[in-house]
N, C-alpha and C. Protein backbone atom coordinates (compact mmCIF):
# COMPACT_ATOMS: atom_id res chain seq x y z
N UNK A 1 4.18 -1.29 1.40
CA UNK A 1 3.55 -2.22 2.31
C UNK A 1 2.26 -1.65 2.89
N UNK A 2 2.21 -0.35 3.06
CA UNK A 2 1.00 0.26 3.60
C UNK A 2 -0.19 0.05 2.68
N UNK A 3 0.07 0.15 1.40
CA UNK A 3 -1.01 -0.07 0.43
C UNK A 3 -1.41 -1.54 0.48
N UNK A 4 -0.43 -2.41 0.48
CA UNK A 4 -0.69 -3.85 0.56
C UNK A 4 -1.49 -4.19 1.81
N UNK A 5 -1.12 -3.60 2.93
CA UNK A 5 -1.78 -3.92 4.19
C UNK A 5 -3.25 -3.56 4.21
N UNK A 6 -3.66 -2.64 3.36
CA UNK A 6 -5.08 -2.29 3.30
C UNK A 6 -5.92 -3.47 2.83
N UNK A 7 -5.31 -4.40 2.10
CA UNK A 7 -6.04 -5.59 1.66
C UNK A 7 -6.43 -6.47 2.84
N UNK A 8 -5.67 -6.39 3.92
CA UNK A 8 -5.99 -7.17 5.11
C UNK A 8 -7.34 -6.83 5.71
N UNK A 9 -7.82 -5.62 5.43
CA UNK A 9 -9.14 -5.23 5.93
C UNK A 9 -10.26 -5.89 5.14
N UNK A 10 -9.94 -6.45 4.01
CA UNK A 10 -10.97 -7.00 3.13
C UNK A 10 -11.19 -8.50 3.32
N UNK A 11 -10.24 -9.18 3.95
CA UNK A 11 -10.38 -10.62 4.09
C UNK A 11 -9.92 -11.05 5.47
N UNK A 12 -10.50 -12.03 6.04
CA UNK A 12 -11.73 -12.68 5.60
C UNK A 12 -12.96 -11.92 6.08
N UNK A 13 -14.08 -12.31 5.56
CA UNK A 13 -15.34 -11.71 5.98
C UNK A 13 -15.71 -12.22 7.37
N UNK A 14 -16.82 -11.78 7.83
CA UNK A 14 -17.30 -12.26 9.12
C UNK A 14 -17.36 -11.14 10.13
N UNK A 15 -17.33 -11.52 11.37
CA UNK A 15 -17.45 -10.55 12.45
C UNK A 15 -16.10 -10.04 12.92
N UNK A 16 -15.13 -10.06 12.07
CA UNK A 16 -13.79 -9.62 12.42
C UNK A 16 -13.80 -8.12 12.73
N UNK A 17 -13.14 -7.76 13.81
CA UNK A 17 -13.05 -6.35 14.19
C UNK A 17 -11.63 -5.87 13.98
N UNK A 18 -11.51 -4.64 13.50
CA UNK A 18 -10.20 -4.07 13.20
C UNK A 18 -9.89 -2.96 14.19
N UNK A 19 -8.69 -2.98 14.69
CA UNK A 19 -8.25 -2.04 15.71
C UNK A 19 -8.20 -0.60 15.18
N UNK A 20 -8.83 0.28 15.91
CA UNK A 20 -8.78 1.71 15.60
C UNK A 20 -7.33 2.20 15.69
N UNK A 21 -6.64 1.76 16.73
CA UNK A 21 -5.26 2.20 16.95
C UNK A 21 -4.35 1.81 15.77
N UNK A 22 -4.47 0.57 15.31
CA UNK A 22 -3.65 0.11 14.18
C UNK A 22 -3.99 0.91 12.92
N UNK A 23 -5.27 1.16 12.70
CA UNK A 23 -5.70 1.94 11.54
C UNK A 23 -5.12 3.35 11.60
N UNK A 24 -5.20 3.99 12.76
CA UNK A 24 -4.69 5.35 12.90
C UNK A 24 -3.17 5.40 12.73
N UNK A 25 -2.48 4.34 13.14
CA UNK A 25 -1.04 4.26 12.89
C UNK A 25 -0.76 4.17 11.39
N UNK A 26 -1.60 3.44 10.68
CA UNK A 26 -1.43 3.34 9.23
C UNK A 26 -1.71 4.68 8.56
N UNK A 27 -2.71 5.39 9.05
CA UNK A 27 -3.01 6.72 8.52
C UNK A 27 -1.77 7.61 8.67
N UNK A 28 -1.19 7.62 9.85
CA UNK A 28 0.00 8.45 10.12
C UNK A 28 1.18 7.99 9.26
N UNK A 29 1.38 6.70 9.16
CA UNK A 29 2.48 6.17 8.35
C UNK A 29 2.31 6.55 6.89
N UNK A 30 1.08 6.52 6.41
CA UNK A 30 0.81 6.89 5.02
C UNK A 30 1.14 8.37 4.79
N UNK A 31 0.84 9.20 5.78
CA UNK A 31 1.20 10.62 5.69
C UNK A 31 2.72 10.79 5.66
N UNK A 32 3.41 10.07 6.54
CA UNK A 32 4.87 10.18 6.63
C UNK A 32 5.57 9.67 5.38
N UNK A 33 5.00 8.66 4.75
CA UNK A 33 5.58 8.09 3.53
C UNK A 33 5.83 9.16 2.48
N UNK A 34 4.92 10.10 2.39
CA UNK A 34 4.96 11.08 1.31
C UNK A 34 5.53 12.43 1.71
N UNK A 35 6.03 12.54 2.93
CA UNK A 35 6.60 13.81 3.39
C UNK A 35 7.92 14.11 2.69
N UNK A 36 8.25 15.40 2.67
CA UNK A 36 9.52 15.83 2.11
C UNK A 36 10.67 15.20 2.89
N UNK A 37 11.70 14.81 2.18
CA UNK A 37 12.87 14.21 2.82
C UNK A 37 12.83 12.70 2.89
N UNK A 38 11.73 12.09 2.47
CA UNK A 38 11.63 10.63 2.49
C UNK A 38 12.18 10.05 1.19
N UNK A 39 12.51 8.76 1.18
CA UNK A 39 12.95 8.14 -0.08
C UNK A 39 11.91 8.29 -1.19
N UNK A 40 10.63 8.21 -0.81
CA UNK A 40 9.59 8.36 -1.83
C UNK A 40 9.60 9.77 -2.42
N UNK A 41 9.72 10.77 -1.57
CA UNK A 41 9.78 12.16 -2.05
C UNK A 41 10.99 12.36 -2.96
N UNK A 42 12.10 11.74 -2.61
CA UNK A 42 13.30 11.81 -3.45
C UNK A 42 13.03 11.18 -4.81
N UNK A 43 12.39 10.01 -4.80
CA UNK A 43 12.06 9.33 -6.06
C UNK A 43 11.17 10.23 -6.93
N UNK A 44 10.16 10.83 -6.32
CA UNK A 44 9.25 11.69 -7.07
C UNK A 44 10.00 12.88 -7.66
N UNK A 45 10.88 13.47 -6.87
CA UNK A 45 11.65 14.62 -7.35
C UNK A 45 12.55 14.25 -8.53
N UNK A 46 13.07 13.04 -8.52
CA UNK A 46 13.96 12.58 -9.58
C UNK A 46 13.21 12.10 -10.82
N UNK A 47 11.95 11.76 -10.65
CA UNK A 47 11.15 11.16 -11.74
C UNK A 47 9.80 11.86 -11.87
N UNK A 48 9.81 13.16 -11.95
CA UNK A 48 8.58 13.95 -11.89
C UNK A 48 7.50 13.47 -12.85
N UNK A 49 7.83 13.35 -14.11
CA UNK A 49 6.81 12.97 -15.10
C UNK A 49 6.30 11.55 -14.88
N UNK A 50 7.22 10.63 -14.64
CA UNK A 50 6.83 9.24 -14.43
C UNK A 50 6.06 9.06 -13.13
N UNK A 51 6.41 9.85 -12.12
CA UNK A 51 5.80 9.69 -10.80
C UNK A 51 4.47 10.42 -10.67
N UNK A 52 4.15 11.27 -11.61
CA UNK A 52 2.94 12.09 -11.51
C UNK A 52 1.68 11.23 -11.33
N UNK A 53 1.54 10.19 -12.13
CA UNK A 53 0.35 9.33 -12.03
C UNK A 53 0.34 8.58 -10.69
N UNK A 54 1.49 8.12 -10.26
CA UNK A 54 1.57 7.41 -8.98
C UNK A 54 1.17 8.33 -7.83
N UNK A 55 1.66 9.55 -7.84
CA UNK A 55 1.31 10.51 -6.78
C UNK A 55 -0.19 10.77 -6.79
N UNK A 56 -0.75 10.94 -7.97
CA UNK A 56 -2.20 11.15 -8.10
C UNK A 56 -2.97 9.95 -7.53
N UNK A 57 -2.52 8.75 -7.87
CA UNK A 57 -3.17 7.54 -7.37
C UNK A 57 -3.05 7.42 -5.85
N UNK A 58 -1.89 7.78 -5.31
CA UNK A 58 -1.70 7.74 -3.86
C UNK A 58 -2.58 8.77 -3.16
N UNK A 59 -2.72 9.95 -3.76
CA UNK A 59 -3.60 10.97 -3.18
C UNK A 59 -5.04 10.46 -3.13
N UNK A 60 -5.46 9.84 -4.22
CA UNK A 60 -6.81 9.29 -4.29
C UNK A 60 -6.99 8.16 -3.27
N UNK A 61 -5.99 7.31 -3.17
CA UNK A 61 -6.03 6.21 -2.21
C UNK A 61 -6.12 6.74 -0.78
N UNK A 62 -5.30 7.73 -0.48
CA UNK A 62 -5.31 8.33 0.86
C UNK A 62 -6.68 8.91 1.18
N UNK A 63 -7.28 9.60 0.22
CA UNK A 63 -8.59 10.22 0.44
C UNK A 63 -9.68 9.17 0.63
N UNK A 64 -9.61 8.09 -0.12
CA UNK A 64 -10.68 7.10 -0.07
C UNK A 64 -10.49 6.03 1.01
N UNK A 65 -9.26 5.84 1.46
CA UNK A 65 -8.99 4.77 2.42
C UNK A 65 -8.53 5.29 3.77
N UNK A 66 -7.58 6.22 3.76
CA UNK A 66 -6.96 6.66 5.00
C UNK A 66 -7.26 8.12 5.33
N UNK A 67 -8.52 8.50 5.27
CA UNK A 67 -8.88 9.87 5.65
C UNK A 67 -10.17 9.84 6.47
N UNK A 68 -10.44 10.92 7.13
CA UNK A 68 -11.67 11.01 7.92
C UNK A 68 -12.90 11.03 7.02
N UNK A 69 -12.72 11.35 5.75
CA UNK A 69 -13.84 11.37 4.80
C UNK A 69 -14.07 10.01 4.13
N UNK A 70 -13.25 9.03 4.45
CA UNK A 70 -13.37 7.72 3.82
C UNK A 70 -14.76 7.14 4.04
N UNK A 71 -15.35 6.67 2.95
CA UNK A 71 -16.63 5.97 3.04
C UNK A 71 -16.41 4.46 3.08
N UNK A 72 -15.18 4.05 2.89
CA UNK A 72 -14.86 2.63 2.86
C UNK A 72 -14.51 2.13 4.26
N UNK A 73 -13.60 2.84 4.92
CA UNK A 73 -13.20 2.51 6.29
C UNK A 73 -13.63 3.64 7.20
N UNK A 74 -14.39 3.31 8.23
CA UNK A 74 -14.87 4.32 9.18
C UNK A 74 -14.51 3.92 10.60
N UNK A 75 -13.93 4.86 11.32
CA UNK A 75 -13.64 4.61 12.73
C UNK A 75 -14.96 4.72 13.49
N UNK A 76 -15.24 3.69 14.26
CA UNK A 76 -16.46 3.65 15.06
C UNK A 76 -16.09 3.11 16.44
N UNK A 77 -16.04 4.00 17.41
CA UNK A 77 -15.62 3.58 18.75
C UNK A 77 -14.16 3.18 18.73
N UNK A 78 -13.86 1.99 19.22
CA UNK A 78 -12.48 1.49 19.26
C UNK A 78 -12.12 0.64 18.05
N UNK A 79 -13.01 0.59 17.07
CA UNK A 79 -12.80 -0.29 15.93
C UNK A 79 -12.99 0.46 14.61
N UNK A 80 -12.60 -0.22 13.55
CA UNK A 80 -12.77 0.31 12.20
C UNK A 80 -13.79 -0.57 11.49
N UNK A 81 -14.81 0.07 10.94
CA UNK A 81 -15.81 -0.65 10.15
C UNK A 81 -15.42 -0.58 8.69
N UNK A 82 -15.64 -1.68 7.99
CA UNK A 82 -15.29 -1.76 6.58
C UNK A 82 -16.58 -1.97 5.78
N UNK A 83 -16.80 -1.10 4.80
CA UNK A 83 -17.99 -1.21 3.95
C UNK A 83 -17.73 -2.26 2.88
N UNK A 84 -18.34 -3.42 3.04
CA UNK A 84 -18.11 -4.54 2.13
C UNK A 84 -18.50 -4.22 0.69
N UNK A 85 -19.42 -3.30 0.50
CA UNK A 85 -19.82 -2.95 -0.87
C UNK A 85 -18.75 -2.15 -1.60
N UNK A 86 -17.73 -1.70 -0.88
CA UNK A 86 -16.66 -0.90 -1.48
C UNK A 86 -15.36 -1.69 -1.70
N UNK A 87 -15.40 -2.99 -1.45
CA UNK A 87 -14.18 -3.79 -1.57
C UNK A 87 -13.54 -3.68 -2.95
N UNK A 88 -14.36 -3.72 -3.99
CA UNK A 88 -13.82 -3.68 -5.35
C UNK A 88 -12.99 -2.41 -5.57
N UNK A 89 -13.44 -1.31 -5.04
CA UNK A 89 -12.71 -0.05 -5.19
C UNK A 89 -11.33 -0.14 -4.53
N UNK A 90 -11.27 -0.75 -3.36
CA UNK A 90 -9.98 -0.91 -2.68
C UNK A 90 -9.06 -1.81 -3.50
N UNK A 91 -9.61 -2.91 -4.02
CA UNK A 91 -8.80 -3.79 -4.86
C UNK A 91 -8.24 -3.03 -6.06
N UNK A 92 -9.10 -2.29 -6.74
CA UNK A 92 -8.66 -1.54 -7.92
C UNK A 92 -7.50 -0.62 -7.60
N UNK A 93 -7.63 0.11 -6.53
CA UNK A 93 -6.58 1.06 -6.17
C UNK A 93 -5.33 0.35 -5.65
N UNK A 94 -5.50 -0.52 -4.68
CA UNK A 94 -4.36 -1.13 -3.99
C UNK A 94 -3.53 -2.01 -4.92
N UNK A 95 -4.18 -2.81 -5.74
CA UNK A 95 -3.43 -3.72 -6.60
C UNK A 95 -2.61 -2.94 -7.63
N UNK A 96 -3.18 -1.90 -8.20
CA UNK A 96 -2.45 -1.10 -9.18
C UNK A 96 -1.28 -0.35 -8.56
N UNK A 97 -1.51 0.27 -7.42
CA UNK A 97 -0.44 1.03 -6.75
C UNK A 97 0.67 0.09 -6.31
N UNK A 98 0.29 -1.03 -5.72
CA UNK A 98 1.31 -1.96 -5.23
C UNK A 98 2.15 -2.50 -6.38
N UNK A 99 1.51 -2.80 -7.51
CA UNK A 99 2.27 -3.30 -8.66
C UNK A 99 3.24 -2.23 -9.17
N UNK A 100 2.82 -0.99 -9.13
CA UNK A 100 3.72 0.10 -9.53
C UNK A 100 4.93 0.16 -8.62
N UNK A 101 4.71 0.02 -7.31
CA UNK A 101 5.84 0.01 -6.37
C UNK A 101 6.76 -1.17 -6.64
N UNK A 102 6.20 -2.33 -6.92
CA UNK A 102 7.02 -3.50 -7.24
C UNK A 102 7.87 -3.23 -8.47
N UNK A 103 7.27 -2.64 -9.49
CA UNK A 103 8.00 -2.32 -10.71
C UNK A 103 9.13 -1.32 -10.44
N UNK A 104 8.86 -0.32 -9.61
CA UNK A 104 9.89 0.67 -9.27
C UNK A 104 11.05 0.00 -8.53
N UNK A 105 10.72 -0.83 -7.56
CA UNK A 105 11.76 -1.50 -6.78
C UNK A 105 12.57 -2.47 -7.64
N UNK A 106 11.90 -3.17 -8.55
CA UNK A 106 12.62 -4.06 -9.45
C UNK A 106 13.53 -3.26 -10.39
N UNK A 107 13.08 -2.10 -10.82
CA UNK A 107 13.93 -1.23 -11.63
C UNK A 107 15.15 -0.77 -10.86
N UNK A 108 14.95 -0.45 -9.59
CA UNK A 108 16.08 -0.06 -8.73
C UNK A 108 17.08 -1.20 -8.62
N UNK A 109 16.57 -2.41 -8.39
CA UNK A 109 17.45 -3.57 -8.27
C UNK A 109 18.22 -3.79 -9.56
N UNK A 110 17.52 -3.77 -10.68
CA UNK A 110 18.18 -4.00 -11.97
C UNK A 110 19.24 -2.95 -12.27
N UNK A 111 18.96 -1.72 -11.88
CA UNK A 111 19.91 -0.63 -12.13
C UNK A 111 21.14 -0.71 -11.22
N UNK A 112 20.94 -1.16 -10.00
CA UNK A 112 22.02 -1.12 -9.00
C UNK A 112 22.72 -2.45 -8.75
N UNK A 113 22.16 -3.51 -9.27
CA UNK A 113 22.79 -4.82 -9.08
C UNK A 113 24.18 -4.79 -9.71
N UNK A 114 25.13 -5.32 -9.01
CA UNK A 114 26.50 -5.30 -9.50
C UNK A 114 27.31 -4.15 -8.93
N UNK A 115 26.63 -3.17 -8.35
CA UNK A 115 27.35 -2.08 -7.68
C UNK A 115 27.96 -2.62 -6.40
N UNK A 116 29.05 -2.05 -5.98
CA UNK A 116 29.76 -2.54 -4.80
C UNK A 116 28.89 -2.51 -3.54
N UNK A 117 28.07 -1.48 -3.39
CA UNK A 117 27.28 -1.34 -2.17
C UNK A 117 25.96 -2.12 -2.21
N UNK A 118 25.63 -2.69 -3.35
CA UNK A 118 24.37 -3.42 -3.47
C UNK A 118 24.42 -4.71 -2.66
N UNK A 119 23.35 -4.96 -1.92
CA UNK A 119 23.27 -6.18 -1.12
C UNK A 119 22.22 -7.11 -1.72
N UNK A 120 22.64 -8.31 -2.04
CA UNK A 120 21.75 -9.30 -2.67
C UNK A 120 20.56 -9.66 -1.78
N UNK A 121 20.70 -9.49 -0.49
CA UNK A 121 19.58 -9.84 0.39
C UNK A 121 18.37 -8.94 0.13
N UNK A 122 18.59 -7.79 -0.51
CA UNK A 122 17.47 -6.94 -0.91
C UNK A 122 16.58 -7.69 -1.91
N UNK A 123 17.19 -8.43 -2.80
CA UNK A 123 16.44 -9.22 -3.79
C UNK A 123 15.59 -10.25 -3.07
N UNK A 124 16.16 -10.93 -2.09
CA UNK A 124 15.42 -11.93 -1.32
C UNK A 124 14.25 -11.28 -0.59
N UNK A 125 14.48 -10.13 -0.02
CA UNK A 125 13.42 -9.40 0.69
C UNK A 125 12.30 -9.02 -0.27
N UNK A 126 12.64 -8.49 -1.42
CA UNK A 126 11.62 -8.08 -2.39
C UNK A 126 10.84 -9.27 -2.93
N UNK A 127 11.52 -10.38 -3.13
CA UNK A 127 10.82 -11.59 -3.58
C UNK A 127 9.84 -12.08 -2.52
N UNK A 128 10.26 -12.06 -1.26
CA UNK A 128 9.38 -12.48 -0.17
C UNK A 128 8.19 -11.52 -0.04
N UNK A 129 8.45 -10.23 -0.18
CA UNK A 129 7.39 -9.23 -0.10
C UNK A 129 6.36 -9.45 -1.21
N UNK A 130 6.84 -9.67 -2.41
CA UNK A 130 5.92 -9.88 -3.53
C UNK A 130 5.10 -11.16 -3.35
N UNK A 131 5.75 -12.21 -2.86
CA UNK A 131 5.04 -13.46 -2.61
C UNK A 131 3.94 -13.25 -1.57
N UNK A 132 4.27 -12.55 -0.49
CA UNK A 132 3.29 -12.28 0.56
C UNK A 132 2.14 -11.43 0.01
N UNK A 133 2.48 -10.39 -0.74
CA UNK A 133 1.47 -9.51 -1.32
C UNK A 133 0.52 -10.29 -2.23
N UNK A 134 1.07 -11.09 -3.11
CA UNK A 134 0.22 -11.84 -4.04
C UNK A 134 -0.63 -12.88 -3.30
N UNK A 135 -0.07 -13.48 -2.26
CA UNK A 135 -0.84 -14.44 -1.46
C UNK A 135 -1.99 -13.75 -0.74
N UNK A 136 -1.72 -12.59 -0.15
CA UNK A 136 -2.76 -11.84 0.55
C UNK A 136 -3.84 -11.38 -0.42
N UNK A 137 -3.44 -10.87 -1.57
CA UNK A 137 -4.40 -10.41 -2.57
C UNK A 137 -5.28 -11.57 -3.05
N UNK A 138 -4.65 -12.70 -3.32
CA UNK A 138 -5.41 -13.87 -3.77
C UNK A 138 -6.38 -14.33 -2.68
N UNK A 139 -5.89 -14.39 -1.45
CA UNK A 139 -6.73 -14.81 -0.32
C UNK A 139 -7.93 -13.88 -0.16
N UNK A 140 -7.66 -12.58 -0.22
CA UNK A 140 -8.74 -11.60 -0.06
C UNK A 140 -9.76 -11.73 -1.18
N UNK A 141 -9.28 -11.81 -2.41
CA UNK A 141 -10.20 -11.92 -3.55
C UNK A 141 -10.98 -13.23 -3.54
N UNK A 142 -10.31 -14.31 -3.22
CA UNK A 142 -10.96 -15.62 -3.23
C UNK A 142 -12.02 -15.76 -2.14
N UNK A 143 -11.85 -15.02 -1.06
CA UNK A 143 -12.79 -15.13 0.06
C UNK A 143 -13.78 -13.97 0.13
N UNK A 144 -13.79 -13.14 -0.88
CA UNK A 144 -14.69 -11.98 -0.87
C UNK A 144 -16.00 -12.30 -1.55
């Protein structure tokens, strides 16, 4: 969701201002996502070869979007400025990473469906998440 939420900075255009506080919370959340002991770290440990490209893409995304060196998003005073000329780069990274996460989660569902502890409401949640993600991506792209 953190990767998906970065698309919200791209749409709509105009004089919209983005909260520095919300951005910094996303920066911290992105750091925590990849820490040792998290479900993501467990997934990477279990799928080293398959996860290698995803980890590389997330590192690149973090450097270009959620770091102090980011040229795309810059904290300025109490707000975050977004460089409109860099939108395509965010789309390229975010859409690919998010689709990879969707594929991983769908694989998890397919593997675990039918298990006693599996809850079908997870499927409903993932379907709603994907619908929201695709709607946001379409809205951002259509209005860019």
